[in-house]
Structures are given as structure tokens and as C-alpha cells.
PDB file of N, CA and C in Angstrom:
ATOM      1  N   MET A   1      16.084 -15.636  -8.567  1.00  0.00           N
ATOM      2  CA  MET A   1      15.120 -14.675  -9.075  1.00  0.00           C
ATOM      3  C   MET A   1      14.969 -13.532  -8.061  1.00  0.00           C
ATOM      4  N   LYS A   2      15.151 -12.325  -8.537  1.00  0.00           N
ATOM      5  CA  LYS A   2      15.057 -11.163  -7.652  1.00  0.00           C
ATOM      6  C   LYS A   2      13.602 -10.804  -7.396  1.00  0.00           C
ATOM      7  N   ASN A   3      13.323 -10.450  -6.157  1.00  0.00           N
ATOM      8  CA  ASN A   3      11.962 -10.099  -5.772  1.00  0.00           C
ATOM      9  C   ASN A   3      11.627  -8.700  -6.275  1.00  0.00           C
ATOM     10  N   GLU A   4      10.518  -8.565  -6.969  1.00  0.00           N
ATOM     11  CA  GLU A   4      10.092  -7.277  -7.513  1.00  0.00           C
ATOM     12  C   GLU A   4       9.597  -6.377  -6.389  1.00  0.00           C
ATOM     13  N   MET A   5      10.130  -5.162  -6.321  1.00  0.00           N
ATOM     14  CA  MET A   5       9.729  -4.191  -5.306  1.00  0.00           C
ATOM     15  C   MET A   5       8.840  -3.135  -5.960  1.00  0.00           C
ATOM     16  N   LEU A   6       7.688  -2.867  -5.318  1.00  0.00           N
ATOM     17  CA  LEU A   6       6.699  -1.942  -5.860  1.00  0.00           C
ATOM     18  C   LEU A   6       6.243  -0.952  -4.808  1.00  0.00           C
ATOM     19  N   SER A   7       5.920   0.235  -5.258  1.00  0.00           N
ATOM     20  CA  SER A   7       5.251   1.195  -4.377  1.00  0.00           C
ATOM     21  C   SER A   7       3.771   0.827  -4.352  1.00  0.00           C
ATOM     22  N   LEU A   8       3.041   1.386  -3.420  1.00  0.00           N
ATOM     23  CA  LEU A   8       1.598   1.147  -3.398  1.00  0.00           C
ATOM     24  C   LEU A   8       0.949   1.693  -4.667  1.00  0.00           C
ATOM     25  N   TYR A   9       1.446   2.813  -5.164  1.00  0.00           N
ATOM     26  CA  TYR A   9       0.911   3.370  -6.406  1.00  0.00           C
ATOM     27  C   TYR A   9       1.104   2.392  -7.570  1.00  0.00           C
ATOM     28  N   ASP A  10       2.304   1.832  -7.669  1.00  0.00           N
ATOM     29  CA  ASP A  10       2.582   0.867  -8.732  1.00  0.00           C
ATOM     30  C   ASP A  10       1.681  -0.360  -8.599  1.00  0.00           C
ATOM     31  N   TYR A  11       1.497  -0.820  -7.383  1.00  0.00           N
ATOM     32  CA  TYR A  11       0.716  -2.034  -7.137  1.00  0.00           C
ATOM     33  C   TYR A  11      -0.774  -1.810  -7.388  1.00  0.00           C
ATOM     34  N   LEU A  12      -1.311  -0.700  -6.876  1.00  0.00           N
ATOM     35  CA  LEU A  12      -2.748  -0.444  -6.967  1.00  0.00           C
ATOM     36  C   LEU A  12      -3.162   0.237  -8.270  1.00  0.00           C
ATOM     37  N   GLY A  13      -2.220   0.910  -8.904  1.00  0.00           N
ATOM     38  CA  GLY A  13      -2.531   1.640 -10.119  1.00  0.00           C
ATOM     39  C   GLY A  13      -3.213   2.977  -9.854  1.00  0.00           C
ATOM     40  N   ARG A  14      -3.125   3.444  -8.624  1.00  0.00           N
ATOM     41  CA  ARG A  14      -3.719   4.724  -8.219  1.00  0.00           C
ATOM     42  C   ARG A  14      -3.024   5.175  -6.938  1.00  0.00           C
ATOM     43  N   PRO A  15      -3.150   6.461  -6.578  1.00  0.00           N
ATOM     44  CA  PRO A  15      -2.566   6.904  -5.308  1.00  0.00           C
ATOM     45  C   PRO A  15      -3.216   6.168  -4.136  1.00  0.00           C
ATOM     46  N   ALA A  16      -2.398   5.724  -3.207  1.00  0.00           N
ATOM     47  CA  ALA A  16      -2.909   4.959  -2.066  1.00  0.00           C
ATOM     48  C   ALA A  16      -3.431   5.867  -0.959  1.00  0.00           C
ATOM     49  N   GLY A  17      -2.838   7.031  -0.806  1.00  0.00           N
ATOM     50  CA  GLY A  17      -3.226   7.917   0.281  1.00  0.00           C
ATOM     51  C   GLY A  17      -2.440   7.621   1.541  1.00  0.00           C
ATOM     52  N   GLY A  18      -2.375   8.615   2.399  1.00  0.00           N
ATOM     53  CA  GLY A  18      -1.581   8.507   3.623  1.00  0.00           C
ATOM     54  C   GLY A  18      -2.059   7.458   4.597  1.00  0.00           C
ATOM     55  N   GLU A  19      -3.368   7.324   4.754  1.00  0.00           N
ATOM     56  CA  GLU A  19      -3.911   6.363   5.726  1.00  0.00           C
ATOM     57  C   GLU A  19      -3.550   4.929   5.351  1.00  0.00           C
ATOM     58  N   LEU A  20      -3.780   4.565   4.098  1.00  0.00           N
ATOM     59  CA  LEU A  20      -3.451   3.215   3.654  1.00  0.00           C
ATOM     60  C   LEU A  20      -1.945   2.997   3.712  1.00  0.00           C
ATOM     61  N   GLY A  21      -1.175   4.005   3.329  1.00  0.00           N
ATOM     62  CA  GLY A  21       0.280   3.891   3.400  1.00  0.00           C
ATOM     63  C   GLY A  21       0.759   3.588   4.811  1.00  0.00           C
ATOM     64  N   LYS A  22       0.172   4.260   5.799  1.00  0.00           N
ATOM     65  CA  LYS A  22       0.533   4.009   7.199  1.00  0.00           C
ATOM     66  C   LYS A  22       0.122   2.604   7.629  1.00  0.00           C
ATOM     67  N   GLU A  23      -1.062   2.153   7.197  1.00  0.00           N
ATOM     68  CA  GLU A  23      -1.530   0.803   7.554  1.00  0.00           C
ATOM     69  C   GLU A  23      -0.576  -0.261   7.015  1.00  0.00           C
ATOM     70  N   VAL A  24      -0.183  -0.114   5.760  1.00  0.00           N
ATOM     71  CA  VAL A  24       0.717  -1.089   5.145  1.00  0.00           C
ATOM     72  C   VAL A  24       2.086  -1.042   5.827  1.00  0.00           C
ATOM     73  N   ALA A  25       2.608   0.156   6.090  1.00  0.00           N
ATOM     74  CA  ALA A  25       3.910   0.292   6.751  1.00  0.00           C
ATOM     75  C   ALA A  25       3.886  -0.330   8.144  1.00  0.00           C
ATOM     76  N   THR A  26       2.807  -0.115   8.884  1.00  0.00           N
ATOM     77  CA  THR A  26       2.676  -0.695  10.227  1.00  0.00           C
ATOM     78  C   THR A  26       2.652  -2.212  10.155  1.00  0.00           C
ATOM     79  N   TYR A  27       1.892  -2.745   9.215  1.00  0.00           N
ATOM     80  CA  TYR A  27       1.799  -4.200   9.050  1.00  0.00           C
ATOM     81  C   TYR A  27       3.151  -4.779   8.624  1.00  0.00           C
ATOM     82  N   ALA A  28       3.852  -4.083   7.722  1.00  0.00           N
ATOM     83  CA  ALA A  28       5.169  -4.542   7.281  1.00  0.00           C
ATOM     84  C   ALA A  28       6.147  -4.591   8.451  1.00  0.00           C
ATOM     85  N   LYS A  29       6.093  -3.586   9.295  1.00  0.00           N
ATOM     86  CA  LYS A  29       6.976  -3.558  10.467  1.00  0.00           C
ATOM     87  C   LYS A  29       6.627  -4.699  11.425  1.00  0.00           C
ATOM     88  N   LEU A  30       5.345  -4.924  11.645  1.00  0.00           N
ATOM     89  CA  LEU A  30       4.885  -6.009  12.514  1.00  0.00           C
ATOM     90  C   LEU A  30       5.363  -7.368  12.003  1.00  0.00           C
ATOM     91  N   LYS A  31       5.321  -7.550  10.695  1.00  0.00           N
ATOM     92  CA  LYS A  31       5.726  -8.820  10.077  1.00  0.00           C
ATOM     93  C   LYS A  31       7.213  -8.868   9.745  1.00  0.00           C
ATOM     94  N   LYS A  32       7.953  -7.808  10.144  1.00  0.00           N
ATOM     95  CA  LYS A  32       9.395  -7.714   9.877  1.00  0.00           C
ATOM     96  C   LYS A  32       9.681  -7.883   8.390  1.00  0.00           C
ATOM     97  N   GLN A  33       8.844  -7.256   7.592  1.00  0.00           N
ATOM     98  CA  GLN A  33       8.949  -7.311   6.136  1.00  0.00           C
ATOM     99  C   GLN A  33       9.975  -6.293   5.659  1.00  0.00           C
ATOM    100  N   PRO A  34      10.990  -6.727   4.928  1.00  0.00           N
ATOM    101  CA  PRO A  34      11.955  -5.761   4.409  1.00  0.00           C
ATOM    102  C   PRO A  34      11.310  -4.855   3.359  1.00  0.00           C
ATOM    103  N   PHE A  35      11.796  -3.635   3.285  1.00  0.00           N
ATOM    104  CA  PHE A  35      11.311  -2.693   2.288  1.00  0.00           C
ATOM    105  C   PHE A  35      12.475  -1.812   1.863  1.00  0.00           C
ATOM    106  N   THR A  36      12.279  -1.120   0.767  1.00  0.00           N
ATOM    107  CA  THR A  36      13.256  -0.131   0.329  1.00  0.00           C
ATOM    108  C   THR A  36      12.521   1.198   0.215  1.00  0.00           C
ATOM    109  N   GLN A  37      13.290   2.247   0.048  1.00  0.00           N
ATOM    110  CA  GLN A  37      12.702   3.566  -0.138  1.00  0.00           C
ATOM    111  C   GLN A  37      13.205   4.146  -1.446  1.00  0.00           C
ATOM    112  N   LYS A  38      12.366   4.977  -2.030  1.00  0.00           N
ATOM    113  CA  LYS A  38      12.726   5.650  -3.270  1.00  0.00           C
ATOM    114  C   LYS A  38      12.316   7.113  -3.151  1.00  0.00           C
ATOM    115  N   GLU A  39      13.186   7.986  -3.594  1.00  0.00           N
ATOM    116  CA  GLU A  39      12.912   9.422  -3.594  1.00  0.00           C
ATOM    117  C   GLU A  39      12.173   9.757  -4.882  1.00  0.00           C
ATOM    118  N   ILE A  40      11.040  10.470  -4.756  1.00  0.00           N
ATOM    119  CA  ILE A  40      10.306  10.888  -5.946  1.00  0.00           C
ATOM    120  C   ILE A  40      10.019  12.386  -5.873  1.00  0.00           C
ATOM    121  N   SER A  41       9.788  12.954  -7.021  1.00  0.00           N
ATOM    122  CA  SER A  41       9.422  14.354  -7.102  1.00  0.00           C
ATOM    123  C   SER A  41       8.414  14.499  -8.239  1.00  0.00           C
ATOM    124  N   ILE A  42       7.150  14.660  -7.859  1.00  0.00           N
ATOM    125  CA  ILE A  42       6.071  14.843  -8.819  1.00  0.00           C
ATOM    126  C   ILE A  42       5.299  16.090  -8.393  1.00  0.00           C
ATOM    127  N   PRO A  43       4.445  16.619  -9.233  1.00  0.00           N
ATOM    128  CA  PRO A  43       3.733  17.852  -8.858  1.00  0.00           C
ATOM    129  C   PRO A  43       2.957  17.757  -7.539  1.00  0.00           C
ATOM    130  N   THR A  44       2.445  16.576  -7.207  1.00  0.00           N
ATOM    131  CA  THR A  44       1.623  16.452  -5.999  1.00  0.00           C
ATOM    132  C   THR A  44       2.372  15.955  -4.767  1.00  0.00           C
ATOM    133  N   TYR A  45       3.613  15.478  -4.927  1.00  0.00           N
ATOM    134  CA  TYR A  45       4.354  14.954  -3.774  1.00  0.00           C
ATOM    135  C   TYR A  45       5.847  14.948  -4.070  1.00  0.00           C
ATOM    136  N   LYS A  46       6.607  15.354  -3.072  1.00  0.00           N
ATOM    137  CA  LYS A  46       8.065  15.267  -3.152  1.00  0.00           C
ATOM    138  C   LYS A  46       8.550  14.658  -1.854  1.00  0.00           C
ATOM    139  N   GLY A  47       9.267  13.551  -1.963  1.00  0.00           N
ATOM    140  CA  GLY A  47       9.795  12.897  -0.778  1.00  0.00           C
ATOM    141  C   GLY A  47      10.035  11.419  -1.017  1.00  0.00           C
ATOM    142  N   LYS A  48      10.184  10.691   0.070  1.00  0.00           N
ATOM    143  CA  LYS A  48      10.473   9.267  -0.002  1.00  0.00           C
ATOM    144  C   LYS A  48       9.176   8.458   0.027  1.00  0.00           C
ATOM    145  N   ILE A  49       9.197   7.372  -0.713  1.00  0.00           N
ATOM    146  CA  ILE A  49       8.080   6.423  -0.675  1.00  0.00           C
ATOM    147  C   ILE A  49       8.634   5.042  -0.341  1.00  0.00           C
ATOM    148  N   GLN A  50       7.804   4.206   0.231  1.00  0.00           N
ATOM    149  CA  GLN A  50       8.193   2.849   0.579  1.00  0.00           C
ATOM    150  C   GLN A  50       7.945   1.932  -0.612  1.00  0.00           C
ATOM    151  N   MET A  51       8.799   0.945  -0.753  1.00  0.00           N
ATOM    152  CA  MET A  51       8.671  -0.065  -1.796  1.00  0.00           C
ATOM    153  C   MET A  51       8.652  -1.429  -1.102  1.00  0.00           C
ATOM    154  N   TYR A  52       7.659  -2.229  -1.436  1.00  0.00           N
ATOM    155  CA  TYR A  52       7.484  -3.545  -0.818  1.00  0.00           C
ATOM    156  C   TYR A  52       7.528  -4.623  -1.890  1.00  0.00           C
ATOM    157  N   SER A  53       7.785  -5.851  -1.474  1.00  0.00           N
ATOM    158  CA  SER A  53       7.791  -6.944  -2.443  1.00  0.00           C
ATOM    159  C   SER A  53       6.369  -7.220  -2.920  1.00  0.00           C
ATOM    160  N   ARG A  54       6.263  -7.658  -4.170  1.00  0.00           N
ATOM    161  CA  ARG A  54       4.955  -8.001  -4.727  1.00  0.00           C
ATOM    162  C   ARG A  54       4.289  -9.084  -3.868  1.00  0.00           C
ATOM    163  N   GLU A  55       5.057 -10.047  -3.409  1.00  0.00           N
ATOM    164  CA  GLU A  55       4.507 -11.132  -2.590  1.00  0.00           C
ATOM    165  C   GLU A  55       3.893 -10.593  -1.293  1.00  0.00           C
ATOM    166  N   PHE A  56       4.585  -9.655  -0.655  1.00  0.00           N
ATOM    167  CA  PHE A  56       4.056  -9.060   0.574  1.00  0.00           C
ATOM    168  C   PHE A  56       2.762  -8.309   0.289  1.00  0.00           C
ATOM    169  N   LEU A  57       2.743  -7.500  -0.764  1.00  0.00           N
ATOM    170  CA  LEU A  57       1.540  -6.726  -1.086  1.00  0.00           C
ATOM    171  C   LEU A  57       0.379  -7.650  -1.466  1.00  0.00           C
ATOM    172  N   ASP A  58       0.665  -8.702  -2.236  1.00  0.00           N
ATOM    173  CA  ASP A  58      -0.380  -9.681  -2.550  1.00  0.00           C
ATOM    174  C   ASP A  58      -0.963 -10.256  -1.268  1.00  0.00           C
ATOM    175  N   SER A  59      -0.083 -10.646  -0.374  1.00  0.00           N
ATOM    176  CA  SER A  59      -0.501 -11.231   0.897  1.00  0.00           C
ATOM    177  C   SER A  59      -1.309 -10.242   1.730  1.00  0.00           C
ATOM    178  N   TYR A  60      -0.849  -9.008   1.807  1.00  0.00           N
ATOM    179  CA  TYR A  60      -1.529  -7.985   2.601  1.00  0.00           C
ATOM    180  C   TYR A  60      -2.948  -7.744   2.097  1.00  0.00           C
ATOM    181  N   PHE A  61      -3.090  -7.529   0.806  1.00  0.00           N
ATOM    182  CA  PHE A  61      -4.413  -7.206   0.270  1.00  0.00           C
ATOM    183  C   PHE A  61      -5.334  -8.416   0.220  1.00  0.00           C
ATOM    184  N   GLN A  62      -4.810  -9.614   0.012  1.00  0.00           N
ATOM    185  CA  GLN A  62      -5.639 -10.820   0.069  1.00  0.00           C
ATOM    186  C   GLN A  62      -6.141 -11.052   1.482  1.00  0.00           C
ATOM    187  N   LYS A  63      -5.297 -10.815   2.474  1.00  0.00           N
ATOM    188  CA  LYS A  63      -5.699 -10.986   3.873  1.00  0.00           C
ATOM    189  C   LYS A  63      -6.851 -10.052   4.202  1.00  0.00           C
ATOM    190  N   HIS A  64      -6.768  -8.811   3.783  1.00  0.00           N
ATOM    191  CA  HIS A  64      -7.822  -7.854   4.088  1.00  0.00           C
ATOM    192  C   HIS A  64      -9.106  -8.162   3.330  1.00  0.00           C
ATOM    193  N   GLU A  65      -8.992  -8.693   2.123  1.00  0.00           N
ATOM    194  CA  GLU A  65     -10.195  -9.083   1.383  1.00  0.00           C
ATOM    195  C   GLU A  65     -10.887 -10.246   2.073  1.00  0.00           C
ATOM    196  N   ARG A  66     -10.112 -11.215   2.558  1.00  0.00           N
ATOM    197  CA  ARG A  66     -10.687 -12.373   3.253  1.00  0.00           C
ATOM    198  C   ARG A  66     -11.413 -11.950   4.521  1.00  0.00           C
ATOM    199  N   GLU A  67     -10.892 -10.923   5.174  1.00  0.00           N
ATOM    200  CA  GLU A  67     -11.503 -10.453   6.417  1.00  0.00           C
ATOM    201  C   GLU A  67     -12.623  -9.451   6.149  1.00  0.00           C
ATOM    202  N   ASP A  68     -12.918  -9.232   4.864  1.00  0.00           N
ATOM    203  CA  ASP A  68     -13.925  -8.238   4.473  1.00  0.00           C
ATOM    204  C   ASP A  68     -13.602  -6.858   5.013  1.00  0.00           C
ATOM    205  N   ILE A  69     -12.319  -6.557   5.104  1.00  0.00           N
ATOM    206  CA  ILE A  69     -11.855  -5.233   5.505  1.00  0.00           C
ATOM    207  C   ILE A  69     -11.126  -4.668   4.303  1.00  0.00           C
ATOM    208  N   LEU A  70     -11.664  -3.641   3.731  1.00  0.00           N
ATOM    209  CA  LEU A  70     -11.014  -3.023   2.592  1.00  0.00           C
ATOM    210  C   LEU A  70     -10.275  -1.778   3.059  1.00  0.00           C
ATOM    211  N   PRO A  71      -8.937  -1.800   3.026  1.00  0.00           N
ATOM    212  CA  PRO A  71      -8.192  -0.621   3.426  1.00  0.00           C
ATOM    213  C   PRO A  71      -8.574   0.569   2.551  1.00  0.00           C
ATOM    214  N   GLN A  72      -8.781   1.684   3.179  1.00  0.00           N
ATOM    215  CA  GLN A  72      -9.133   2.921   2.498  1.00  0.00           C
ATOM    216  C   GLN A  72     -10.240   2.649   1.480  1.00  0.00           C
ATOM    217  N   ASP A  73     -11.368   2.236   1.981  1.00  0.00           N
ATOM    218  CA  ASP A  73     -12.516   1.901   1.153  1.00  0.00           C
ATOM    219  C   ASP A  73     -12.818   3.020   0.167  1.00  0.00           C
ATOM    220  N   THR A  74     -13.373   2.684  -0.959  1.00  0.00           N
ATOM    221  CA  THR A  74     -13.700   3.681  -1.977  1.00  0.00           C
ATOM    222  C   THR A  74     -15.045   4.316  -1.678  1.00  0.00           C
ATOM    223  N   TYR A  75     -15.203   4.835  -0.511  1.00  0.00           N
ATOM    224  CA  TYR A  75     -16.449   5.463  -0.053  1.00  0.00           C
ATOM    225  C   TYR A  75     -16.709   6.710  -0.875  1.00  0.00           C
ATOM    226  N   ASP A  76     -17.896   6.754  -1.487  1.00  0.00           N
ATOM    227  CA  ASP A  76     -18.206   7.884  -2.360  1.00  0.00           C
ATOM    228  C   ASP A  76     -19.109   8.911  -1.676  1.00  0.00           C
ATOM    229  N   GLY A  77     -19.349   8.745  -0.388  1.00  0.00           N
ATOM    230  CA  GLY A  77     -20.149   9.715   0.345  1.00  0.00           C
ATOM    231  C   GLY A  77     -21.621   9.375   0.413  1.00  0.00           C
ATOM    232  N   ASP A  78     -22.040   8.397  -0.361  1.00  0.00           N
ATOM    233  CA  ASP A  78     -23.436   8.000  -0.380  1.00  0.00           C
ATOM    234  C   ASP A  78     -23.677   6.932   0.690  1.00  0.00           C
ATOM    235  N   LEU A  79     -24.779   7.024   1.391  1.00  0.00           N
ATOM    236  CA  LEU A  79     -25.084   6.029   2.419  1.00  0.00           C
ATOM    237  C   LEU A  79     -25.465   4.702   1.775  1.00  0.00           C
ATOM    238  N   PRO A  80     -25.116   3.577   2.426  1.00  0.00           N
ATOM    239  CA  PRO A  80     -25.379   2.280   1.816  1.00  0.00           C
ATOM    240  C   PRO A  80     -26.844   1.833   1.926  1.00  0.00           C
ATOM    241  N   PHE A  81     -27.725   2.647   2.454  1.00  0.00           N
ATOM    242  CA  PHE A  81     -29.131   2.247   2.575  1.00  0.00           C
ATOM    243  C   PHE A  81     -30.052   3.343   2.106  1.00  0.00           C
TER     244      PHE A  81
END
């Protein structure tokens, strides 16, 4: 069975942003996680994107949820108190 490779956009269903992309890439490198690259050209971005295995992305985001660390939190500018 071939491992499904996904971009962060495909996995999250929304743009991940540069900060989260760097965090995931750094973690993948630390864990020696293989990845592929894909060239894209859309109105908002032209260039290469990283593609990771679904298993790696599941593991990455579950780990951060367990640690109560949400990468690129959905902060809406409102104070929590």
C-alpha cells in the first residue's frame, strides 16, 4: 500500500501559512521524515510546496494537541479575558 502524500493545505483544508509550514518542515527534518515537493502556481502563491505522509501529519498534529500547543493558533485578536 502506497503512503498518501499531502500538502498542509490538503491536510488542514485551509492555507497553513509560512510559520506553521516552517514548524512542520523543521520537525520533519528532526525526525528524518521523507517528503516530496510539488510545484504549484495559484493566484496567491507560485513555487514549491512540501508534501508529507498522512501518517506523519496525523502524528505531528496529535502530538501538538496532546501538549496543548496549537501550531499557528486561530487567534482572532480578542483577549481571552
